Protein backbone atom coordinates (compact mmCIF):
# COMPACT_ATOMS: atom_id res chain seq x y z
CA MET A 1 13.50 -21.60 -34.29
CA ASN A 2 15.06 -18.19 -32.37
CA PRO A 3 13.25 -18.15 -28.75
CA LEU A 4 14.84 -14.62 -28.42
CA PRO A 5 11.65 -11.92 -29.02
CA ARG A 6 11.32 -10.03 -31.64
CA LEU A 7 11.51 -6.25 -29.75
CA LEU A 8 10.49 -2.80 -32.09
CA ILE A 9 13.38 -0.16 -31.18
CA THR A 10 12.27 3.17 -31.82
CA MET A 11 14.28 5.80 -32.78
CA GLY A 12 13.06 8.61 -31.06
CA ASP A 13 13.70 12.19 -31.77
CA VAL A 14 16.59 12.03 -34.55
CA ALA A 15 18.25 15.30 -32.92
CA GLY A 16 18.46 13.70 -29.33
CA ILE A 17 20.21 10.75 -28.07
CA GLY A 18 18.18 8.07 -29.38
CA PRO A 19 20.18 6.85 -33.10
CA GLU A 20 23.31 7.33 -31.04
CA ILE A 21 22.67 5.00 -28.07
CA ILE A 22 21.23 2.40 -30.61
CA VAL A 23 24.18 1.86 -32.36
CA ARG A 24 26.16 1.79 -28.81
CA ALA A 25 24.00 -0.98 -27.42
CA TRP A 26 23.84 -3.16 -30.46
CA PRO A 27 26.32 -5.37 -29.62
CA GLU A 28 24.77 -6.38 -26.44
CA LEU A 29 21.17 -5.74 -27.96
CA VAL A 30 21.04 -9.20 -30.37
CA LYS A 31 22.18 -11.24 -27.23
CA LEU A 32 18.90 -10.37 -25.96
CA CYS A 33 16.56 -10.09 -28.18
CA ARG A 34 15.88 -10.29 -32.10
CA PRO A 35 15.83 -5.94 -32.54
CA VAL A 36 14.49 -4.33 -35.31
CA VAL A 37 15.06 -0.43 -35.50
CA VAL A 38 12.07 1.62 -36.60
CA GLY A 39 13.38 4.78 -37.36
CA ASP A 40 15.24 6.33 -40.58
CA LEU A 41 17.65 5.18 -42.54
CA SER A 42 19.99 7.76 -43.54
CA TRP A 43 20.06 9.01 -39.38
CA LEU A 44 20.75 6.31 -37.88
CA GLN A 45 23.86 5.66 -40.93
CA LYS A 46 25.13 8.65 -39.54
CA SER A 47 25.13 7.30 -36.14
CA LEU A 48 27.36 4.63 -37.27
CA ALA A 49 29.96 7.04 -38.72
CA LEU A 50 29.88 8.94 -35.44
CA VAL A 51 30.58 6.33 -33.06
CA GLY A 52 33.03 4.31 -35.58
CA SER A 53 30.82 1.45 -35.44
CA PRO A 54 31.90 -1.64 -38.06
CA ALA A 55 27.98 -2.23 -38.68
CA ARG A 56 26.45 -1.89 -41.76
CA VAL A 57 22.47 -0.48 -41.56
CA GLY A 58 20.21 -3.18 -43.40
CA PRO A 59 17.05 -1.71 -44.88
CA ALA A 60 13.92 -3.80 -44.75
CA THR A 61 9.97 -3.55 -45.02
CA HIS A 62 8.60 -5.24 -42.55
CA PRO A 63 10.38 -6.82 -38.77
CA GLY A 64 10.64 -10.34 -40.15
CA GLU A 65 11.97 -10.05 -43.59
CA ARG A 66 15.29 -10.48 -42.18
CA GLU A 67 17.56 -11.11 -39.11
CA SER A 68 19.76 -8.66 -37.30
CA THR A 69 23.10 -9.49 -36.16
CA ALA A 70 26.16 -7.72 -34.13
CA THR A 71 27.08 -5.97 -37.56
CA THR A 72 23.98 -6.38 -39.05
CA ILE A 73 21.30 -3.43 -37.88
CA VAL A 74 17.81 -4.00 -39.26
CA CYS A 75 15.90 -0.88 -39.91
CA LEU A 76 12.60 -0.08 -41.05
CA GLN A 77 12.49 3.15 -42.91
CA ALA A 78 9.07 4.69 -40.63
CA SER A 79 8.80 8.09 -41.63
CA LYS A 80 8.00 10.14 -44.75
CA GLN A 81 9.28 13.35 -42.94
CA ASP A 82 12.85 15.25 -44.48
CA LEU A 83 15.03 15.12 -41.73
CA SER A 84 17.97 16.61 -44.01
CA GLN A 85 17.94 19.62 -42.37
CA VAL A 86 17.90 18.54 -38.45
CA THR A 87 20.33 19.35 -36.72
CA THR A 88 21.33 17.76 -33.31
CA GLY A 89 20.32 19.43 -30.18
CA GLN A 90 18.32 21.22 -31.86
CA VAL A 91 14.10 21.40 -31.79
CA SER A 92 13.03 20.72 -35.40
CA ALA A 93 9.21 19.75 -35.82
CA ALA A 94 9.85 17.54 -38.45
CA ALA A 95 11.96 15.46 -36.00
CA GLY A 96 8.96 15.58 -33.69
CA ARG A 97 6.63 14.32 -36.62
CA ALA A 98 8.93 11.56 -37.72
CA ALA A 99 9.20 10.49 -33.95
CA TYR A 100 5.60 9.92 -33.83
CA ASP A 101 5.61 8.23 -36.77
CA PHE A 102 8.22 5.96 -35.56
CA LEU A 103 6.36 5.32 -32.79
CA CYS A 104 2.55 4.87 -34.49
CA ALA A 105 4.40 2.52 -36.97
CA ALA A 106 5.83 0.45 -34.23
CA ILE A 107 2.69 0.03 -31.92
CA ASP A 108 0.74 -1.05 -35.45
CA LEU A 109 2.79 -3.85 -36.37
CA THR A 110 3.02 -4.94 -32.76
CA LEU A 111 -1.07 -4.91 -32.73
CA ARG A 112 -0.49 -6.86 -35.77
CA ALA A 113 1.37 -9.43 -34.27
CA GLU A 114 4.81 -8.96 -36.37
CA ALA A 115 7.06 -8.18 -32.86
CA ASP A 116 6.60 -9.32 -29.13
CA GLY A 117 6.75 -5.52 -27.78
CA ILE A 118 8.57 -1.57 -28.14
CA VAL A 119 11.64 -0.21 -26.69
CA THR A 120 11.35 3.65 -27.25
CA ALA A 121 13.99 6.13 -27.43
CA PRO A 122 13.21 9.14 -26.18
CA LEU A 123 10.85 11.73 -27.53
CA HIS A 124 11.03 15.51 -27.11
CA LYS A 125 8.24 17.04 -25.96
CA GLU A 126 9.01 20.53 -27.51
CA GLY A 127 9.57 19.10 -30.66
CA LEU A 128 6.50 17.09 -30.91
CA ARG A 129 4.47 20.42 -29.65
CA ALA A 130 6.43 22.38 -32.71
CA ALA A 131 4.75 19.52 -35.09
CA GLY A 132 1.08 20.32 -33.82
CA LEU A 133 1.55 17.45 -31.96
CA PRO A 134 -0.86 17.69 -28.46
CA TYR A 135 1.02 14.77 -26.53
CA PRO A 136 3.09 15.06 -23.45
CA GLY A 137 4.96 11.48 -23.95
CA HIS A 138 5.16 8.06 -24.98
CA THR A 139 2.37 7.21 -22.79
CA GLU A 140 -0.70 8.83 -23.95
CA ILE A 141 0.56 7.60 -27.29
CA LEU A 142 0.22 4.43 -26.86
CA ALA A 143 -3.00 4.40 -24.87
CA GLU A 144 -4.38 6.33 -27.52
CA ARG A 145 -2.95 3.98 -30.82
CA THR A 146 -4.11 1.19 -28.85
CA GLY A 147 -8.13 2.52 -27.65
CA THR A 148 -6.77 1.64 -23.87
CA ARG A 149 -9.16 3.88 -21.71
CA GLN A 150 -7.21 2.89 -18.21
CA PHE A 151 -3.54 3.22 -18.94
CA GLY A 152 -0.32 4.11 -16.24
CA MET A 153 3.10 4.64 -16.96
CA MET A 154 5.10 2.14 -14.39
CA LEU A 155 8.72 1.78 -13.69
CA TYR A 156 9.52 -1.66 -12.81
CA CYS A 157 12.76 -3.75 -11.60
CA ASP A 158 13.40 -6.88 -9.98
CA GLY A 159 9.72 -7.82 -8.73
CA LEU A 160 8.99 -3.80 -7.65
CA GLY A 161 6.62 -1.46 -9.26
CA VAL A 162 5.85 1.94 -9.34
CA MET A 163 2.91 3.70 -11.18
CA HIS A 164 2.38 7.28 -11.17
CA VAL A 165 -1.47 8.59 -10.38
CA THR A 166 -0.60 11.90 -12.17
CA LEU A 167 1.67 12.09 -15.46
CA HIS A 168 3.78 14.97 -17.45
CA MET A 169 1.97 18.18 -15.74
CA ALA A 170 3.14 20.87 -13.71
CA LEU A 171 3.33 20.53 -10.22
CA ARG A 172 1.00 23.26 -9.49
CA ASP A 173 -1.78 21.56 -11.24
CA VAL A 174 -1.04 17.91 -9.48
CA PHE A 175 -3.33 19.15 -6.42
CA ARG A 176 -6.43 19.25 -9.05
CA HIS A 177 -5.63 16.47 -10.71
CA LEU A 178 -5.76 13.99 -7.55
CA SER A 179 -8.75 11.90 -6.45
CA THR A 180 -10.21 9.27 -4.52
CA GLU A 181 -10.87 7.77 -7.78
CA ALA A 182 -7.70 8.36 -9.40
CA VAL A 183 -5.75 7.13 -6.52
CA LEU A 184 -8.01 4.11 -6.26
CA GLU A 185 -7.82 3.70 -10.38
CA LYS A 186 -4.11 3.34 -10.62
CA ILE A 187 -4.09 0.95 -7.17
CA ARG A 188 -6.67 -1.37 -9.41
CA LEU A 189 -4.08 -1.26 -12.38
CA LEU A 190 -0.97 -1.78 -10.67
CA ALA A 191 -2.54 -4.59 -8.73
CA LYS A 192 -3.77 -6.54 -11.58
CA LEU A 193 -0.53 -5.95 -13.35
CA LEU A 194 2.10 -7.00 -10.77
CA ALA A 195 -0.14 -10.20 -10.20
CA ARG A 196 0.47 -11.23 -13.68
CA LEU A 197 4.31 -10.26 -13.68
CA LEU A 198 4.45 -11.99 -10.30
CA GLY A 199 2.33 -14.34 -10.21
CA ARG A 200 0.97 -13.68 -6.69
CA ALA A 201 -1.33 -11.29 -5.23
CA PRO A 202 1.05 -7.82 -4.75
CA ARG A 203 1.51 -6.03 -1.87
CA LEU A 204 0.68 -1.86 -2.44
CA GLY A 205 1.87 1.04 -0.88
CA VAL A 206 0.59 4.47 -1.27
CA ALA A 207 3.22 7.11 -1.22
CA GLY A 208 1.81 9.99 0.24
CA LEU A 209 2.15 13.37 -1.67
CA ASN A 210 3.05 16.29 1.17
CA PRO A 211 6.55 15.45 3.21
CA HIS A 212 5.67 12.55 5.76
CA ALA A 213 1.74 12.19 4.33
CA SER A 214 1.41 15.72 5.75
CA ASP A 215 2.38 14.23 9.29
CA GLY A 216 -1.47 14.06 10.83
CA GLY A 217 -1.95 17.71 9.55
CA LEU A 218 1.14 19.13 10.32
CA PHE A 219 2.33 19.93 6.70
CA GLY A 220 -0.91 20.57 4.99
CA ASP A 221 -4.37 18.63 5.02
CA GLU A 222 -4.42 17.21 1.05
CA GLU A 223 -3.60 13.84 2.08
CA ALA A 224 -7.27 13.55 3.07
CA ALA A 225 -8.29 15.31 -0.35
CA VAL A 226 -11.71 16.63 2.44
CA ASP A 227 -12.07 19.79 3.07
CA PHE A 228 -13.37 19.42 6.41
CA SER A 229 -15.66 22.45 6.82
CA ARG A 230 -18.00 20.33 4.41
CA LEU A 231 -17.66 17.14 6.22
CA LEU A 232 -20.78 15.78 8.15
CA HIS A 233 -20.04 12.38 10.75
CA ALA A 234 -23.27 10.94 9.90
CA GLU A 235 -23.16 7.45 11.50
CA GLN A 236 -20.88 5.53 13.87
CA GLU A 237 -21.79 1.45 15.29
CA PHE A 238 -20.03 -0.50 17.52
CA ASP A 239 -20.01 -4.12 17.70
CA TRP A 240 -18.17 -4.87 21.25
CA THR A 241 -16.73 -8.22 21.87
CA SER A 242 -15.07 -7.57 25.01
CA HIS A 243 -14.33 -4.81 27.07
CA PRO A 244 -10.77 -3.46 27.38
CA GLU A 245 -9.46 -2.22 31.00
CA VAL A 246 -7.27 0.51 31.90
CA GLY A 247 -4.04 0.06 30.77
CA ASP A 248 -4.74 -2.65 28.33
CA LYS A 249 -2.97 -2.20 24.89
CA VAL A 250 -5.47 -2.47 21.79
CA HIS A 251 -4.45 -2.55 17.96
CA SER A 252 -7.27 -1.36 15.58
CA GLN A 253 -6.62 -1.32 12.07
CA ALA A 254 -8.90 0.54 9.74
CA ARG A 255 -9.91 0.77 6.38
CA VAL A 256 -12.41 2.16 3.76
CA THR A 257 -15.05 -0.40 2.66
CA SER A 258 -16.68 2.23 0.52
CA ASP A 259 -16.65 5.57 -1.42
CA ILE A 260 -19.58 6.61 -3.22
CA ASN A 261 -20.72 9.63 -5.34
CA ARG A 262 -24.57 10.52 -4.75
CA ARG A 263 -26.43 14.07 -5.37
CA GLY A 264 -23.13 15.82 -5.43
CA MET A 265 -22.44 14.25 -1.92
CA ARG A 266 -18.93 11.79 -1.07
CA PHE A 267 -20.46 8.95 1.37
CA VAL A 268 -17.19 7.42 2.68
CA THR A 269 -17.46 4.60 5.04
CA PHE A 270 -14.97 3.53 7.51
CA GLU A 271 -14.83 0.25 9.28
CA THR A 272 -12.04 -0.49 12.03
CA ASP A 273 -11.29 -3.53 13.77
CA THR A 274 -9.45 -3.66 16.93
CA THR A 275 -7.81 -6.42 19.10
CA SER A 276 -6.44 -7.12 22.26
CA GLY A 277 -2.56 -7.47 22.69
CA LYS A 278 -2.82 -11.18 22.25
CA GLY A 279 -4.74 -10.62 19.18
CA GLU A 280 -7.77 -11.73 20.48
CA PRO A 281 -11.18 -9.52 18.79
CA VAL A 282 -11.96 -6.50 20.94
CA CYS A 283 -14.63 -4.04 19.01
CA HIS A 284 -15.41 -3.77 15.58
CA SER A 285 -16.69 -0.46 14.48
CA ARG A 286 -18.47 1.06 11.80
CA ALA A 287 -18.49 5.05 10.61
CA LEU A 288 -20.14 7.12 8.04
CA PHE A 289 -19.03 10.12 6.66
CA VAL A 290 -20.74 12.52 4.71
CA ILE A 291 -18.48 14.86 2.42
CA ARG A 292 -21.43 18.10 0.61
CA ALA A 293 -20.28 19.69 -2.65
């Protein structure tokens, strides 16, 4: 039994670089996995001729029908769109719809356990829109097709993962889509995924929005996501273990312990632990802020 994973490679928009990239990479792909192209047979053949590859197309009706080799590119015909009039480098509704069909077919096959994963060649956002498809990219199609409600796009390499809070939108729209809830959702999602990938609890950081994360308000106050005119300092508690003297160095570490929405208001609780320069406890404090709608 071949231990390599069977991966479905979607062709993407045939008017773009997807078909050519697939055929140029093919000799290396077969060393890494058992690749199967999900796309269009005729465009795959055109790309082989374009790059002068000696490989040939191997038509198949399902991923396990035949095995790919360095000289045989197994391909599933995954769309009924007529792509004969598509021109390379030009936006095409037919190509946009076909790219969507390729991806949906690959998703469905993988969900039925006929493949181990999917690798995608590029979609064209304008091609999708020309075909009447409202999706801004792969991520949203994958989420809808798999029935996934909480999702994100992550870039990952050598133990480092980066997940976006906002995705596929104009820069001017980013600010109104950022909220404590949106950031926390992605933090929790990333923490769970990295724990599975790394086999341990990950260390997470949150990138600032403005330069230097606003630098104490010098470059905006969006990092706090709070309208300070609506902020009320409602409660403050201190539990002293020892009292520092003038000139003592102390270290404080604060954390948000709750963020609750109730009756149109946010109730945010901060707790802070302060220790001496020797690491001995000095004070534990709790503060409650109410942010009015």
